[in-house]
Amino acid sequence: MASQGVTLLVLCLFSSVAQKGYAARPGGVTQLVKNACGKAPFVELCIRTLTSDAGAGKADLRGLAGTAVKAAAKSGANTSEYIAGLLNGQVEDPSLQQCLSDCSDSYVDAVEQLEDSVAALDSGGFADAKTWVAVAVVDTETCREGCKGVHGSQGVALLKKNEHDGQLCANALAITNLMSTA
């Protein structure tokens, strides 16, 4: 009877931690990930992002910064593809057309900046990485501002993707900023 109670307790504990999205991999969240994400504006997203990388448990701060920037770059590239797909179709709404055009330019720049940031982190150019991630944050803000007032499912979907990308970039910037203090 006691072993059933312990088993149930362990299952409940695992279930509640797994729902948070960061205990499914062996080792859970390292102290470095907790500390780095504690400085990020979107803590839960930061923890999910960093722990989704298989090497995060053994990474140093530079590795975590690289993981955060790569995640932002990948998400930004996906959003850029989404925008390109919409632009290749028929867009009837002139305000949506303008929004997509502006965001397309912003996302091409953001992805470029993030890719350059990864290279800078790899070579120890932390100041450059910080600058380029900050530019990517501004690029997502520019897209958001250019799409204010756009309605319809495509515009709403783009704004959701852009919000997520902005959060990833802000988290990447927070962790990259730690590099200059490390």
N, C-alpha and C. Protein backbone atom coordinates (compact mmCIF):
# COMPACT_ATOMS: atom_id res chain seq x y z
N MET A 1 0.82 -1.19 0.00
CA MET A 1 0.00 0.00 0.00
C MET A 1 0.87 1.25 0.00
N ALA A 2 1.94 1.25 0.82
CA ALA A 2 2.81 2.41 0.90
C ALA A 2 3.53 2.64 -0.43
N SER A 3 3.92 1.54 -1.12
CA SER A 3 4.62 1.70 -2.40
C SER A 3 3.70 2.29 -3.45
N GLN A 4 2.40 1.99 -3.39
CA GLN A 4 1.45 2.60 -4.34
C GLN A 4 1.36 4.10 -4.10
N GLY A 5 1.38 4.50 -2.82
CA GLY A 5 1.33 5.92 -2.49
C GLY A 5 2.56 6.66 -2.99
N VAL A 6 3.73 6.05 -2.84
CA VAL A 6 4.98 6.65 -3.31
C VAL A 6 4.95 6.75 -4.83
N THR A 7 4.50 5.68 -5.49
CA THR A 7 4.41 5.68 -6.95
C THR A 7 3.47 6.78 -7.42
N LEU A 8 2.34 6.90 -6.77
CA LEU A 8 1.38 7.95 -7.14
C LEU A 8 1.99 9.33 -6.93
N LEU A 9 2.69 9.52 -5.83
CA LEU A 9 3.33 10.81 -5.55
C LEU A 9 4.36 11.14 -6.62
N VAL A 10 5.18 10.16 -6.98
CA VAL A 10 6.20 10.38 -8.01
C VAL A 10 5.54 10.72 -9.34
N LEU A 11 4.48 10.01 -9.71
CA LEU A 11 3.77 10.28 -10.97
C LEU A 11 3.17 11.68 -10.96
N CYS A 12 2.57 12.08 -9.85
CA CYS A 12 1.99 13.42 -9.76
C CYS A 12 3.06 14.49 -9.86
N LEU A 13 4.18 14.28 -9.17
CA LEU A 13 5.28 15.24 -9.21
C LEU A 13 5.83 15.35 -10.62
N PHE A 14 6.09 14.22 -11.28
CA PHE A 14 6.60 14.24 -12.64
C PHE A 14 5.62 14.92 -13.58
N SER A 15 4.35 14.63 -13.43
CA SER A 15 3.32 15.22 -14.28
C SER A 15 3.29 16.74 -14.14
N SER A 16 3.34 17.23 -12.92
CA SER A 16 3.25 18.68 -12.73
C SER A 16 4.50 19.38 -13.25
N VAL A 17 5.66 18.76 -13.11
CA VAL A 17 6.89 19.37 -13.62
C VAL A 17 6.92 19.27 -15.13
N ALA A 18 6.51 18.15 -15.69
CA ALA A 18 6.53 17.97 -17.14
C ALA A 18 5.58 18.95 -17.83
N GLN A 19 4.48 19.31 -17.17
CA GLN A 19 3.56 20.28 -17.76
C GLN A 19 4.23 21.63 -17.93
N LYS A 20 5.20 21.95 -17.10
CA LYS A 20 5.94 23.20 -17.25
C LYS A 20 6.81 23.17 -18.49
N GLY A 21 7.11 21.97 -18.99
CA GLY A 21 7.82 21.85 -20.25
C GLY A 21 9.33 21.77 -20.11
N TYR A 22 9.87 21.56 -18.90
CA TYR A 22 11.31 21.52 -18.81
C TYR A 22 11.88 20.44 -17.91
N ALA A 23 11.16 19.38 -17.73
CA ALA A 23 11.74 18.28 -16.97
C ALA A 23 11.73 16.98 -17.74
N ALA A 24 11.25 17.00 -18.96
CA ALA A 24 11.14 15.78 -19.73
C ALA A 24 12.50 15.21 -20.09
N ARG A 25 13.51 16.06 -20.22
CA ARG A 25 14.83 15.53 -20.56
C ARG A 25 15.58 15.22 -19.27
N PRO A 26 16.45 14.23 -19.32
CA PRO A 26 17.20 13.86 -18.13
C PRO A 26 18.02 15.05 -17.60
N GLY A 27 18.03 15.20 -16.30
CA GLY A 27 18.83 16.26 -15.70
C GLY A 27 18.03 17.51 -15.41
N GLY A 28 16.89 17.69 -16.05
CA GLY A 28 16.07 18.87 -15.79
C GLY A 28 16.78 20.16 -16.16
N VAL A 29 16.52 21.19 -15.38
CA VAL A 29 17.05 22.52 -15.65
C VAL A 29 18.30 22.73 -14.79
N THR A 30 19.40 23.09 -15.43
CA THR A 30 20.63 23.35 -14.68
C THR A 30 20.53 24.70 -13.98
N GLN A 31 21.39 24.90 -13.01
CA GLN A 31 21.42 26.17 -12.30
C GLN A 31 21.80 27.31 -13.24
N LEU A 32 22.69 27.04 -14.20
CA LEU A 32 23.07 28.08 -15.15
C LEU A 32 21.88 28.51 -16.01
N VAL A 33 21.07 27.54 -16.45
CA VAL A 33 19.87 27.88 -17.22
C VAL A 33 18.92 28.70 -16.36
N LYS A 34 18.72 28.30 -15.11
CA LYS A 34 17.85 29.06 -14.21
C LYS A 34 18.37 30.49 -14.03
N ASN A 35 19.67 30.62 -13.81
CA ASN A 35 20.25 31.95 -13.61
C ASN A 35 20.13 32.81 -14.86
N ALA A 36 20.47 32.23 -16.02
CA ALA A 36 20.40 32.98 -17.28
C ALA A 36 18.96 33.39 -17.59
N CYS A 37 18.04 32.45 -17.45
CA CYS A 37 16.64 32.75 -17.76
C CYS A 37 16.01 33.67 -16.72
N GLY A 38 16.58 33.69 -15.53
CA GLY A 38 16.11 34.61 -14.50
C GLY A 38 16.32 36.07 -14.89
N LYS A 39 17.24 36.31 -15.81
CA LYS A 39 17.51 37.67 -16.31
C LYS A 39 16.71 37.99 -17.57
N ALA A 40 16.04 37.00 -18.11
CA ALA A 40 15.28 37.18 -19.36
C ALA A 40 13.88 37.69 -19.07
N PRO A 41 13.30 38.46 -19.97
CA PRO A 41 11.95 38.99 -19.73
C PRO A 41 10.84 37.93 -19.82
N PHE A 42 11.08 36.85 -20.54
CA PHE A 42 10.08 35.80 -20.71
C PHE A 42 10.68 34.49 -20.20
N VAL A 43 10.66 34.33 -18.89
CA VAL A 43 11.40 33.28 -18.19
C VAL A 43 10.97 31.88 -18.65
N GLU A 44 9.69 31.60 -18.64
CA GLU A 44 9.22 30.26 -19.01
C GLU A 44 9.60 29.91 -20.45
N LEU A 45 9.43 30.86 -21.36
CA LEU A 45 9.82 30.64 -22.75
C LEU A 45 11.33 30.41 -22.83
N CYS A 46 12.09 31.15 -22.08
CA CYS A 46 13.54 31.00 -22.05
C CYS A 46 13.92 29.59 -21.61
N ILE A 47 13.34 29.13 -20.53
CA ILE A 47 13.65 27.79 -20.02
C ILE A 47 13.27 26.73 -21.04
N ARG A 48 12.09 26.86 -21.64
CA ARG A 48 11.67 25.89 -22.66
C ARG A 48 12.63 25.90 -23.85
N THR A 49 13.04 27.10 -24.26
CA THR A 49 13.93 27.23 -25.41
C THR A 49 15.28 26.58 -25.13
N LEU A 50 15.86 26.92 -23.99
CA LEU A 50 17.20 26.42 -23.70
C LEU A 50 17.21 24.93 -23.41
N THR A 51 16.19 24.43 -22.74
CA THR A 51 16.18 23.00 -22.41
C THR A 51 15.74 22.13 -23.58
N SER A 52 15.24 22.73 -24.64
CA SER A 52 14.88 21.95 -25.83
C SER A 52 16.13 21.54 -26.60
N ASP A 53 17.25 22.18 -26.32
CA ASP A 53 18.52 21.85 -26.96
C ASP A 53 19.21 20.74 -26.15
N ALA A 54 19.57 19.68 -26.83
CA ALA A 54 20.15 18.52 -26.14
C ALA A 54 21.44 18.86 -25.40
N GLY A 55 22.20 19.83 -25.86
CA GLY A 55 23.46 20.16 -25.24
C GLY A 55 23.38 21.19 -24.13
N ALA A 56 22.18 21.69 -23.85
CA ALA A 56 22.03 22.78 -22.87
C ALA A 56 22.49 22.39 -21.48
N GLY A 57 22.35 21.13 -21.12
CA GLY A 57 22.74 20.69 -19.78
C GLY A 57 24.23 20.79 -19.54
N LYS A 58 25.02 20.78 -20.62
CA LYS A 58 26.48 20.84 -20.49
C LYS A 58 27.04 22.16 -20.98
N ALA A 59 26.18 23.06 -21.43
CA ALA A 59 26.64 24.31 -22.04
C ALA A 59 27.08 25.32 -20.99
N ASP A 60 28.02 26.17 -21.39
CA ASP A 60 28.39 27.32 -20.58
C ASP A 60 27.51 28.49 -21.02
N LEU A 61 27.75 29.66 -20.47
CA LEU A 61 26.91 30.81 -20.79
C LEU A 61 26.96 31.15 -22.27
N ARG A 62 28.13 31.05 -22.88
CA ARG A 62 28.25 31.32 -24.32
C ARG A 62 27.40 30.34 -25.11
N GLY A 63 27.40 29.07 -24.71
CA GLY A 63 26.59 28.07 -25.38
C GLY A 63 25.10 28.34 -25.24
N LEU A 64 24.69 28.78 -24.04
CA LEU A 64 23.28 29.11 -23.84
C LEU A 64 22.88 30.32 -24.68
N ALA A 65 23.76 31.32 -24.75
CA ALA A 65 23.48 32.49 -25.59
C ALA A 65 23.34 32.06 -27.05
N GLY A 66 24.24 31.19 -27.49
CA GLY A 66 24.16 30.68 -28.86
C GLY A 66 22.86 29.94 -29.13
N THR A 67 22.45 29.12 -28.17
CA THR A 67 21.19 28.38 -28.31
C THR A 67 20.02 29.34 -28.41
N ALA A 68 20.00 30.36 -27.57
CA ALA A 68 18.90 31.34 -27.58
C ALA A 68 18.85 32.11 -28.90
N VAL A 69 20.01 32.52 -29.39
CA VAL A 69 20.07 33.27 -30.65
C VAL A 69 19.68 32.38 -31.82
N LYS A 70 20.16 31.14 -31.82
CA LYS A 70 19.80 30.21 -32.91
C LYS A 70 18.30 29.94 -32.93
N ALA A 71 17.69 29.81 -31.75
CA ALA A 71 16.24 29.58 -31.68
C ALA A 71 15.49 30.79 -32.25
N ALA A 72 15.95 31.99 -31.92
CA ALA A 72 15.32 33.20 -32.46
C ALA A 72 15.50 33.27 -33.97
N ALA A 73 16.68 32.92 -34.45
CA ALA A 73 16.94 32.95 -35.90
C ALA A 73 16.06 31.94 -36.63
N LYS A 74 15.94 30.74 -36.07
CA LYS A 74 15.11 29.71 -36.71
C LYS A 74 13.65 30.14 -36.76
N SER A 75 13.15 30.66 -35.65
CA SER A 75 11.75 31.11 -35.62
C SER A 75 11.55 32.28 -36.58
N GLY A 76 12.51 33.20 -36.60
CA GLY A 76 12.43 34.33 -37.52
C GLY A 76 12.44 33.89 -38.98
N ALA A 77 13.26 32.90 -39.29
CA ALA A 77 13.30 32.37 -40.67
C ALA A 77 11.96 31.74 -41.04
N ASN A 78 11.35 31.04 -40.09
CA ASN A 78 10.03 30.45 -40.35
C ASN A 78 8.98 31.54 -40.59
N THR A 79 9.04 32.60 -39.80
CA THR A 79 8.09 33.71 -40.00
C THR A 79 8.34 34.39 -41.34
N SER A 80 9.59 34.53 -41.70
CA SER A 80 9.93 35.13 -42.99
C SER A 80 9.36 34.30 -44.14
N GLU A 81 9.45 32.98 -44.02
CA GLU A 81 8.86 32.10 -45.04
C GLU A 81 7.34 32.24 -45.08
N TYR A 82 6.73 32.37 -43.92
CA TYR A 82 5.28 32.56 -43.84
C TYR A 82 4.88 33.85 -44.56
N ILE A 83 5.62 34.91 -44.31
CA ILE A 83 5.34 36.20 -44.96
C ILE A 83 5.51 36.07 -46.48
N ALA A 84 6.59 35.43 -46.90
CA ALA A 84 6.83 35.26 -48.34
C ALA A 84 5.70 34.48 -49.00
N GLY A 85 5.21 33.46 -48.30
CA GLY A 85 4.09 32.68 -48.84
C GLY A 85 2.84 33.53 -49.01
N LEU A 86 2.57 34.39 -48.04
CA LEU A 86 1.41 35.28 -48.15
C LEU A 86 1.59 36.28 -49.28
N LEU A 87 2.80 36.80 -49.42
CA LEU A 87 3.07 37.78 -50.48
C LEU A 87 2.97 37.14 -51.87
N ASN A 88 3.25 35.85 -51.96
CA ASN A 88 3.16 35.16 -53.25
C ASN A 88 1.72 34.85 -53.63
N GLY A 89 0.82 34.95 -52.68
CA GLY A 89 -0.60 34.71 -52.96
C GLY A 89 -1.31 36.02 -53.28
N GLN A 90 -2.60 35.96 -53.33
CA GLN A 90 -3.42 37.14 -53.59
C GLN A 90 -3.75 37.81 -52.27
N VAL A 91 -3.28 39.03 -52.10
CA VAL A 91 -3.60 39.81 -50.92
C VAL A 91 -4.48 40.97 -51.38
N GLU A 92 -5.73 40.92 -50.97
CA GLU A 92 -6.70 41.93 -51.40
C GLU A 92 -6.61 43.21 -50.57
N ASP A 93 -6.34 43.08 -49.30
CA ASP A 93 -6.34 44.19 -48.37
C ASP A 93 -5.05 45.00 -48.50
N PRO A 94 -5.15 46.27 -48.91
CA PRO A 94 -3.94 47.08 -49.08
C PRO A 94 -3.14 47.27 -47.78
N SER A 95 -3.83 47.35 -46.65
CA SER A 95 -3.10 47.53 -45.39
C SER A 95 -2.34 46.25 -45.03
N LEU A 96 -2.91 45.09 -45.33
CA LEU A 96 -2.20 43.83 -45.11
C LEU A 96 -1.02 43.72 -46.06
N GLN A 97 -1.21 44.12 -47.29
CA GLN A 97 -0.13 44.08 -48.29
C GLN A 97 1.05 44.94 -47.81
N GLN A 98 0.77 46.14 -47.30
CA GLN A 98 1.82 47.02 -46.80
C GLN A 98 2.50 46.41 -45.57
N CYS A 99 1.70 45.86 -44.69
CA CYS A 99 2.22 45.19 -43.49
C CYS A 99 3.17 44.07 -43.87
N LEU A 100 2.75 43.22 -44.79
CA LEU A 100 3.58 42.10 -45.22
C LEU A 100 4.87 42.56 -45.87
N SER A 101 4.77 43.58 -46.67
CA SER A 101 5.95 44.12 -47.34
C SER A 101 6.95 44.67 -46.32
N ASP A 102 6.45 45.45 -45.37
CA ASP A 102 7.32 46.01 -44.33
C ASP A 102 7.94 44.91 -43.47
N CYS A 103 7.12 43.95 -43.08
CA CYS A 103 7.61 42.86 -42.23
C CYS A 103 8.60 41.98 -42.98
N SER A 104 8.38 41.80 -44.26
CA SER A 104 9.32 41.01 -45.06
C SER A 104 10.71 41.63 -44.98
N ASP A 105 10.79 42.93 -45.19
CA ASP A 105 12.08 43.63 -45.10
C ASP A 105 12.68 43.51 -43.70
N SER A 106 11.84 43.69 -42.68
CA SER A 106 12.31 43.61 -41.30
C SER A 106 12.84 42.23 -40.98
N TYR A 107 12.14 41.20 -41.45
CA TYR A 107 12.54 39.83 -41.12
C TYR A 107 13.79 39.39 -41.87
N VAL A 108 13.95 39.84 -43.09
CA VAL A 108 15.19 39.53 -43.80
C VAL A 108 16.37 40.09 -43.00
N ASP A 109 16.22 41.33 -42.54
CA ASP A 109 17.27 41.96 -41.75
C ASP A 109 17.46 41.25 -40.41
N ALA A 110 16.37 40.94 -39.72
CA ALA A 110 16.46 40.31 -38.39
C ALA A 110 17.18 38.96 -38.47
N VAL A 111 16.82 38.14 -39.43
CA VAL A 111 17.44 36.82 -39.56
C VAL A 111 18.93 36.97 -39.86
N GLU A 112 19.26 37.91 -40.73
CA GLU A 112 20.67 38.19 -41.04
C GLU A 112 21.44 38.60 -39.79
N GLN A 113 20.84 39.51 -39.02
CA GLN A 113 21.48 39.99 -37.79
C GLN A 113 21.68 38.84 -36.80
N LEU A 114 20.69 37.99 -36.67
CA LEU A 114 20.79 36.87 -35.74
C LEU A 114 21.84 35.86 -36.19
N GLU A 115 21.90 35.59 -37.47
CA GLU A 115 22.93 34.67 -37.98
C GLU A 115 24.32 35.25 -37.76
N ASP A 116 24.46 36.56 -37.97
CA ASP A 116 25.74 37.22 -37.69
C ASP A 116 26.07 37.16 -36.20
N SER A 117 25.06 37.24 -35.36
CA SER A 117 25.26 37.16 -33.91
C SER A 117 25.79 35.80 -33.49
N VAL A 118 25.28 34.75 -34.11
CA VAL A 118 25.77 33.40 -33.79
C VAL A 118 27.26 33.31 -34.12
N ALA A 119 27.63 33.81 -35.29
CA ALA A 119 29.05 33.79 -35.69
C ALA A 119 29.89 34.63 -34.73
N ALA A 120 29.37 35.77 -34.32
CA ALA A 120 30.10 36.63 -33.39
C ALA A 120 30.29 35.95 -32.04
N LEU A 121 29.26 35.30 -31.55
CA LEU A 121 29.38 34.56 -30.28
C LEU A 121 30.43 33.47 -30.39
N ASP A 122 30.43 32.77 -31.52
CA ASP A 122 31.40 31.69 -31.72
C ASP A 122 32.84 32.19 -31.71
N SER A 123 33.03 33.42 -32.18
CA SER A 123 34.39 33.96 -32.26
C SER A 123 34.75 34.87 -31.08
N GLY A 124 33.83 35.00 -30.12
CA GLY A 124 34.11 35.84 -28.95
C GLY A 124 33.77 37.30 -29.13
N GLY A 125 33.10 37.65 -30.21
CA GLY A 125 32.72 39.05 -30.46
C GLY A 125 31.41 39.39 -29.76
N PHE A 126 31.44 39.42 -28.44
CA PHE A 126 30.22 39.58 -27.66
C PHE A 126 29.55 40.93 -27.87
N ALA A 127 30.34 41.99 -28.02
CA ALA A 127 29.76 43.33 -28.23
C ALA A 127 29.00 43.36 -29.56
N ASP A 128 29.58 42.76 -30.60
CA ASP A 128 28.90 42.70 -31.90
C ASP A 128 27.62 41.88 -31.80
N ALA A 129 27.71 40.74 -31.13
CA ALA A 129 26.53 39.88 -30.98
C ALA A 129 25.42 40.65 -30.27
N LYS A 130 25.76 41.33 -29.21
CA LYS A 130 24.78 42.12 -28.46
C LYS A 130 24.13 43.17 -29.36
N THR A 131 24.93 43.87 -30.13
CA THR A 131 24.40 44.91 -31.03
C THR A 131 23.45 44.31 -32.06
N TRP A 132 23.85 43.20 -32.66
CA TRP A 132 23.04 42.61 -33.73
C TRP A 132 21.75 41.98 -33.21
N VAL A 133 21.79 41.41 -32.02
CA VAL A 133 20.55 40.87 -31.44
C VAL A 133 19.61 42.03 -31.11
N ALA A 134 20.17 43.14 -30.62
CA ALA A 134 19.35 44.32 -30.33
C ALA A 134 18.67 44.84 -31.59
N VAL A 135 19.38 44.80 -32.72
CA VAL A 135 18.78 45.22 -34.00
C VAL A 135 17.64 44.29 -34.38
N ALA A 136 17.80 43.00 -34.13
CA ALA A 136 16.73 42.04 -34.44
C ALA A 136 15.50 42.32 -33.57
N VAL A 137 15.71 42.70 -32.32
CA VAL A 137 14.58 43.08 -31.45
C VAL A 137 13.83 44.25 -32.08
N VAL A 138 14.57 45.25 -32.53
CA VAL A 138 13.96 46.43 -33.16
C VAL A 138 13.22 46.03 -34.44
N ASP A 139 13.78 45.10 -35.19
CA ASP A 139 13.12 44.64 -36.42
C ASP A 139 11.75 44.02 -36.12
N THR A 140 11.65 43.24 -35.04
CA THR A 140 10.34 42.66 -34.71
C THR A 140 9.37 43.75 -34.24
N GLU A 141 9.90 44.76 -33.55
CA GLU A 141 9.05 45.88 -33.13
C GLU A 141 8.57 46.68 -34.33
N THR A 142 9.44 46.84 -35.32
CA THR A 142 9.08 47.56 -36.55
C THR A 142 7.96 46.83 -37.27
N CYS A 143 8.06 45.51 -37.34
CA CYS A 143 7.00 44.72 -37.98
C CYS A 143 5.68 44.92 -37.23
N ARG A 144 5.74 44.82 -35.91
CA ARG A 144 4.52 44.98 -35.10
C ARG A 144 3.89 46.35 -35.33
N GLU A 145 4.70 47.37 -35.30
CA GLU A 145 4.18 48.74 -35.50
C GLU A 145 3.58 48.91 -36.89
N GLY A 146 4.21 48.32 -37.90
CA GLY A 146 3.72 48.43 -39.27
C GLY A 146 2.43 47.68 -39.53
N CYS A 147 2.08 46.79 -38.62
CA CYS A 147 0.88 45.97 -38.81
C CYS A 147 -0.25 46.34 -37.85
N LYS A 148 -0.06 47.40 -37.10
CA LYS A 148 -1.15 47.84 -36.21
C LYS A 148 -2.38 48.15 -37.04
N GLY A 149 -3.49 47.68 -36.58
CA GLY A 149 -4.74 47.95 -37.27
C GLY A 149 -5.07 46.97 -38.38
N VAL A 150 -4.17 46.03 -38.65
CA VAL A 150 -4.44 45.02 -39.68
C VAL A 150 -5.35 43.96 -39.06
N HIS A 151 -6.39 43.62 -39.80
CA HIS A 151 -7.37 42.64 -39.31
C HIS A 151 -7.35 41.42 -40.22
N GLY A 152 -8.12 40.44 -39.85
CA GLY A 152 -8.21 39.22 -40.64
C GLY A 152 -7.27 38.16 -40.10
N SER A 153 -7.55 36.94 -40.47
CA SER A 153 -6.82 35.80 -39.91
C SER A 153 -5.33 35.82 -40.26
N GLN A 154 -5.00 36.25 -41.47
CA GLN A 154 -3.59 36.28 -41.85
C GLN A 154 -2.81 37.32 -41.05
N GLY A 155 -3.40 38.48 -40.87
CA GLY A 155 -2.75 39.52 -40.08
C GLY A 155 -2.59 39.12 -38.63
N VAL A 156 -3.63 38.52 -38.07
CA VAL A 156 -3.59 38.08 -36.67
C VAL A 156 -2.53 36.99 -36.50
N ALA A 157 -2.47 36.04 -37.45
CA ALA A 157 -1.47 34.97 -37.37
C ALA A 157 -0.06 35.54 -37.45
N LEU A 158 0.15 36.50 -38.33
CA LEU A 158 1.46 37.12 -38.44
C LEU A 158 1.84 37.84 -37.14
N LEU A 159 0.90 38.56 -36.57
CA LEU A 159 1.19 39.28 -35.33
C LEU A 159 1.52 38.33 -34.19
N LYS A 160 0.87 37.17 -34.15
CA LYS A 160 1.20 36.17 -33.12
C LYS A 160 2.61 35.63 -33.32
N LYS A 161 2.95 35.32 -34.56
CA LYS A 161 4.30 34.84 -34.86
C LYS A 161 5.33 35.92 -34.52
N ASN A 162 5.02 37.14 -34.87
CA ASN A 162 5.92 38.25 -34.60
C ASN A 162 6.11 38.47 -33.09
N GLU A 163 5.03 38.33 -32.34
CA GLU A 163 5.13 38.48 -30.89
C GLU A 163 6.05 37.41 -30.30
N HIS A 164 5.87 36.18 -30.75
CA HIS A 164 6.73 35.08 -30.29
C HIS A 164 8.19 35.35 -30.66
N ASP A 165 8.42 35.78 -31.90
CA ASP A 165 9.78 36.08 -32.34
C ASP A 165 10.39 37.21 -31.51
N GLY A 166 9.59 38.23 -31.22
CA GLY A 166 10.07 39.32 -30.39
C GLY A 166 10.46 38.85 -29.00
N GLN A 167 9.69 37.93 -28.44
CA GLN A 167 10.01 37.38 -27.12
C GLN A 167 11.30 36.56 -27.17
N LEU A 168 11.46 35.75 -28.20
CA LEU A 168 12.69 34.97 -28.35
C LEU A 168 13.90 35.90 -28.49
N CYS A 169 13.75 36.96 -29.28
CA CYS A 169 14.85 37.91 -29.47
C CYS A 169 15.17 38.65 -28.17
N ALA A 170 14.14 39.04 -27.43
CA ALA A 170 14.36 39.74 -26.15
C ALA A 170 15.08 38.83 -25.16
N ASN A 171 14.70 37.56 -25.13
CA ASN A 171 15.38 36.60 -24.26
C ASN A 171 16.83 36.40 -24.70
N ALA A 172 17.03 36.28 -26.01
CA ALA A 172 18.40 36.11 -26.54
C ALA A 172 19.25 37.33 -26.19
N LEU A 173 18.67 38.50 -26.28
CA LEU A 173 19.40 39.72 -25.94
C LEU A 173 19.77 39.73 -24.46
N ALA A 174 18.85 39.35 -23.61
CA ALA A 174 19.13 39.34 -22.17
C ALA A 174 20.28 38.39 -21.86
N ILE A 175 20.30 37.23 -22.47
CA ILE A 175 21.37 36.27 -22.21
C ILE A 175 22.68 36.74 -22.85
N THR A 176 22.60 37.31 -24.04
CA THR A 176 23.79 37.84 -24.69
C THR A 176 24.38 38.99 -23.87
N ASN A 177 23.53 39.80 -23.27
CA ASN A 177 24.02 40.89 -22.42
C ASN A 177 24.80 40.36 -21.22
N LEU A 178 24.48 39.16 -20.77
CA LEU A 178 25.23 38.56 -19.65
C LEU A 178 26.67 38.25 -20.05
N MET A 179 26.90 38.07 -21.34
CA MET A 179 28.25 37.74 -21.80
C MET A 179 29.24 38.85 -21.48
N SER A 180 28.81 40.07 -21.52
CA SER A 180 29.72 41.18 -21.25
C SER A 180 30.03 41.31 -19.77
N THR A 181 29.22 40.66 -18.91
CA THR A 181 29.47 40.71 -17.48
C THR A 181 30.12 39.43 -16.98
N ALA A 182 30.23 38.43 -17.86
CA ALA A 182 30.79 37.13 -17.42
C ALA A 182 32.30 37.15 -17.43
